[in-house]
Each structure stands twice: as structure tokens, then as C-alpha cells.
Amino acid sequence: MSVLKKGEEAMMFSVTERAMKPKVQRSSQSFRSRKDQKKYWALLTICFILGLFASVGLLVYQNPVPVTSPSFIPVVRRRAVALVAMLIAAVAQSISTVAFQSTTNNRIITPSLLGFEALYSTINTATIFFFGSGSVSSIQRGPCLISLSNWSDDYHVAYVVWMAAQR
């Protein structure tokens, strides 16, 4: 007859306990269940609809020109350019974050968390300080490409797109 020590009993019990638990089937699917998938698509649809309402609100809220006036459309076009610039900046930010997370193989780290946003702002500020603000706005097509490489500097991208649309 073998005598088990206190630690060995606990180890035997845990092995037996693990063998009795039902095995969880693992998969590489995006959602754990059909319910989670429906919830995701419902939330995505709600966010999309709210985004559309916000976009329309940005175009027409506090518009100094009445809707029936012929100068209403040019005002809305200018606001639409700003809206498109915001959309481009948001897409650039999200793509840069996903690319950065894929490169580092870490879902938690973002460029903003590591301070790249501050670095890009510093580079842009130094560029304007040393070369002047006129040099940024006088370049015809260059600023769009330059600022799109600075993914996380959303305001700069929006400004450059807005300036390009004004020409």
C-alpha cells in the first residue's frame, strides 16, 4: 500500500478534476456565438446611422443661409469638404493603428500610447517654425502626401485637405 503525501493528493485530484470537465471546442471564428454576431452587427448599424445623422447635422446645423437660398449649396459644399477631411483623417488613424498593432503583434499598444502622435506634432511644428507657414500652404500637391505619412496627426491632415480643396 502506497502512502500519498499531502501535495500528491492535491495533484491527483486536480488531474482527475480536469479529466471530468467537458472539453471546450476551440475555433478561429470571429464570434463566439450567433448571438454575439447579431449583437455586433446591430451595434455597428446603430453607430453607422448615428454617424450619418451627425454628418447631416454638421452640414446643416447653424447654417447662416436658409435652405431655400441659392447660396445654401456652396456653404454645404465647403462643409462637406471639411467632413471628407475628417473622414480621411479617421480612416488614416484607424489603418495606422491596425498596421502598427499587426507589426508589433500586440493588440494593446497604439501609436498614441507610445507617443508617436506627439512626435509627429513636434515634427510638423518644427517644420512650420523653421520653414514658415507659407511654405506649407504654397506647396501644390506635396503636403497631402507628406501629412498622410504622419498617420496620427489628424488635424494636420484635415487642414491640408481643406487647403487643397480651397484652391
Protein backbone atom coordinates (compact mmCIF):
# COMPACT_ATOMS: atom_id res chain seq x y z
CA MET A 1 0.00 0.00 0.00
CA SER A 2 1.49 3.36 -1.04
CA VAL A 3 1.14 6.38 1.13
CA LEU A 4 0.47 9.65 -0.68
CA LYS A 5 1.81 12.86 0.66
CA LYS A 6 -0.39 15.92 1.03
CA GLY A 7 0.80 17.67 -2.19
CA GLU A 8 0.49 14.49 -4.27
CA GLU A 9 -3.17 14.07 -3.25
CA ALA A 10 -3.96 17.57 -4.42
CA MET A 11 -2.14 16.94 -7.69
CA MET A 12 -4.04 13.69 -8.29
CA PHE A 13 -7.33 15.40 -7.52
CA SER A 14 -6.67 18.23 -9.93
CA VAL A 15 -5.74 15.81 -12.74
CA THR A 16 -8.92 13.82 -12.13
CA GLU A 17 -10.96 17.00 -11.93
CA ARG A 18 -9.57 18.24 -15.24
CA ALA A 19 -10.40 14.95 -16.92
CA MET A 20 -14.03 15.21 -15.80
CA LYS A 21 -14.58 18.74 -17.19
CA PRO A 22 -16.12 18.90 -20.67
CA LYS A 23 -13.67 20.00 -23.31
CA VAL A 24 -14.28 23.40 -24.87
CA GLN A 25 -14.20 23.35 -28.62
CA ARG A 26 -11.78 25.95 -29.92
CA SER A 27 -12.14 27.70 -33.23
CA SER A 28 -10.74 30.66 -35.11
CA GLN A 29 -14.10 32.25 -35.77
CA SER A 30 -14.65 35.95 -35.12
CA PHE A 31 -17.64 35.48 -32.84
CA ARG A 32 -18.24 33.00 -30.04
CA SER A 33 -21.89 32.54 -30.89
CA ARG A 34 -24.60 33.60 -33.30
CA LYS A 35 -25.98 35.89 -30.60
CA ASP A 36 -22.65 37.76 -30.36
CA GLN A 37 -22.60 38.16 -34.14
CA LYS A 38 -26.12 39.63 -34.20
CA LYS A 39 -25.25 41.98 -31.34
CA TYR A 40 -22.13 43.17 -33.17
CA TRP A 41 -23.99 43.90 -36.40
CA ALA A 42 -26.81 45.66 -34.52
CA LEU A 43 -24.31 47.93 -32.72
CA LEU A 44 -22.41 48.58 -35.95
CA THR A 45 -25.64 49.53 -37.74
CA ILE A 46 -26.66 51.86 -34.90
CA CYS A 47 -23.23 53.54 -34.95
CA PHE A 48 -23.41 53.93 -38.74
CA ILE A 49 -26.87 55.53 -38.56
CA LEU A 50 -25.75 57.86 -35.75
CA GLY A 51 -22.73 58.80 -37.87
CA LEU A 52 -24.99 59.66 -40.80
CA PHE A 53 -27.19 61.83 -38.55
CA ALA A 54 -24.09 63.56 -37.16
CA SER A 55 -22.79 64.17 -40.71
CA VAL A 56 -26.07 65.71 -41.83
CA GLY A 57 -26.11 67.76 -38.63
CA LEU A 58 -22.62 69.09 -39.36
CA LEU A 59 -23.70 70.08 -42.86
CA VAL A 60 -26.89 71.95 -41.99
CA TYR A 61 -26.74 72.95 -38.28
CA GLN A 62 -26.38 76.70 -37.71
CA ASN A 63 -26.02 77.32 -41.40
CA PRO A 64 -26.14 81.10 -41.82
CA VAL A 65 -28.01 80.75 -45.13
CA PRO A 66 -31.62 79.50 -45.37
CA VAL A 67 -32.21 76.22 -47.18
CA THR A 68 -34.22 77.91 -49.92
CA SER A 69 -31.43 80.36 -50.75
CA PRO A 70 -29.25 79.70 -53.81
CA SER A 71 -26.11 80.24 -51.73
CA PHE A 72 -27.03 77.34 -49.41
CA ILE A 73 -25.35 74.74 -51.67
CA PRO A 74 -21.89 76.42 -51.73
CA VAL A 75 -21.90 76.62 -47.92
CA VAL A 76 -22.83 72.95 -47.68
CA ARG A 77 -20.10 72.05 -50.20
CA ARG A 78 -17.47 73.80 -48.07
CA ARG A 79 -18.70 71.96 -45.01
CA ALA A 80 -18.73 68.70 -46.96
CA VAL A 81 -15.04 69.20 -47.79
CA ALA A 82 -14.32 69.55 -44.07
CA LEU A 83 -16.40 66.43 -43.40
CA VAL A 84 -14.46 64.45 -46.01
CA ALA A 85 -11.21 65.66 -44.46
CA MET A 86 -12.37 64.39 -41.06
CA LEU A 87 -13.31 61.07 -42.63
CA ILE A 88 -9.89 60.74 -44.31
CA ALA A 89 -8.16 61.52 -41.02
CA ALA A 90 -10.27 58.96 -39.14
CA VAL A 91 -9.60 56.24 -41.70
CA ALA A 92 -5.88 57.05 -41.73
CA GLN A 93 -5.77 56.86 -37.93
CA SER A 94 -7.56 53.52 -37.81
CA ILE A 95 -5.45 51.99 -40.59
CA SER A 96 -2.25 53.17 -38.91
CA THR A 97 -3.32 51.71 -35.58
CA VAL A 98 -4.17 48.32 -37.10
CA ALA A 99 -0.94 48.28 -39.10
CA PHE A 100 1.08 49.22 -36.04
CA GLN A 101 -0.61 46.57 -33.91
CA SER A 102 -0.06 43.96 -36.62
CA THR A 103 3.61 44.92 -36.94
CA THR A 104 4.26 44.76 -33.20
CA ASN A 105 1.97 41.72 -32.76
CA ASN A 106 0.32 43.43 -29.80
CA ARG A 107 -3.32 44.49 -29.65
CA ILE A 108 -2.88 46.84 -26.71
CA ILE A 109 -0.10 49.10 -27.98
CA THR A 110 -1.19 52.01 -30.16
CA PRO A 111 0.90 54.75 -31.76
CA SER A 112 -0.74 57.30 -29.43
CA LEU A 113 0.14 55.25 -26.37
CA LEU A 114 3.81 55.23 -27.32
CA GLY A 115 3.87 58.98 -28.00
CA PHE A 116 4.19 58.92 -31.80
CA GLU A 117 1.35 61.42 -32.02
CA ALA A 118 3.40 63.91 -30.01
CA LEU A 119 6.45 63.16 -32.17
CA TYR A 120 4.51 63.87 -35.38
CA SER A 121 3.10 67.09 -33.91
CA THR A 122 6.60 68.15 -32.91
CA ILE A 123 7.94 67.44 -36.40
CA ASN A 124 5.12 69.43 -38.02
CA THR A 125 5.53 72.31 -35.57
CA ALA A 126 9.29 72.40 -36.18
CA THR A 127 8.72 72.35 -39.94
CA ILE A 128 6.38 75.33 -39.73
CA PHE A 129 8.73 77.11 -37.30
CA PHE A 130 11.85 76.71 -39.45
CA PHE A 131 10.31 76.98 -42.92
CA GLY A 132 7.31 79.20 -42.17
CA SER A 133 3.60 78.61 -42.53
CA GLY A 134 3.65 79.97 -46.06
CA SER A 135 5.85 77.10 -47.19
CA VAL A 136 3.24 74.54 -46.12
CA SER A 137 0.35 76.24 -47.90
CA SER A 138 2.36 77.21 -51.01
CA ILE A 139 3.23 73.62 -51.96
CA GLN A 140 0.69 72.44 -54.52
CA ARG A 141 0.40 68.66 -54.07
CA GLY A 142 3.17 67.72 -51.67
CA PRO A 143 1.50 68.38 -48.31
CA CYS A 144 -1.20 65.76 -48.83
CA LEU A 145 1.40 63.03 -49.33
CA ILE A 146 3.65 64.34 -46.58
CA SER A 147 0.90 64.62 -44.00
CA LEU A 148 -0.68 61.29 -44.87
CA SER A 149 2.58 59.64 -43.91
CA ASN A 150 2.07 61.21 -40.46
CA TRP A 151 -0.94 59.00 -39.79
CA SER A 152 -1.82 60.14 -36.32
CA ASP A 153 -1.69 63.89 -36.88
CA ASP A 154 -5.39 64.17 -37.69
CA TYR A 155 -5.66 67.94 -37.54
CA HIS A 156 -2.80 68.45 -39.94
CA VAL A 157 -4.33 66.04 -42.47
CA ALA A 158 -7.69 67.75 -42.20
CA TYR A 159 -6.09 71.19 -42.62
CA VAL A 160 -4.06 70.19 -45.68
CA VAL A 161 -7.06 68.56 -47.36
CA TRP A 162 -9.15 71.62 -46.60
CA MET A 163 -6.44 73.92 -48.01
CA ALA A 164 -6.15 71.81 -51.16
CA ALA A 165 -9.91 71.95 -51.66
CA GLN A 166 -9.88 75.74 -51.39
CA ARG A 167 -7.67 76.11 -54.48
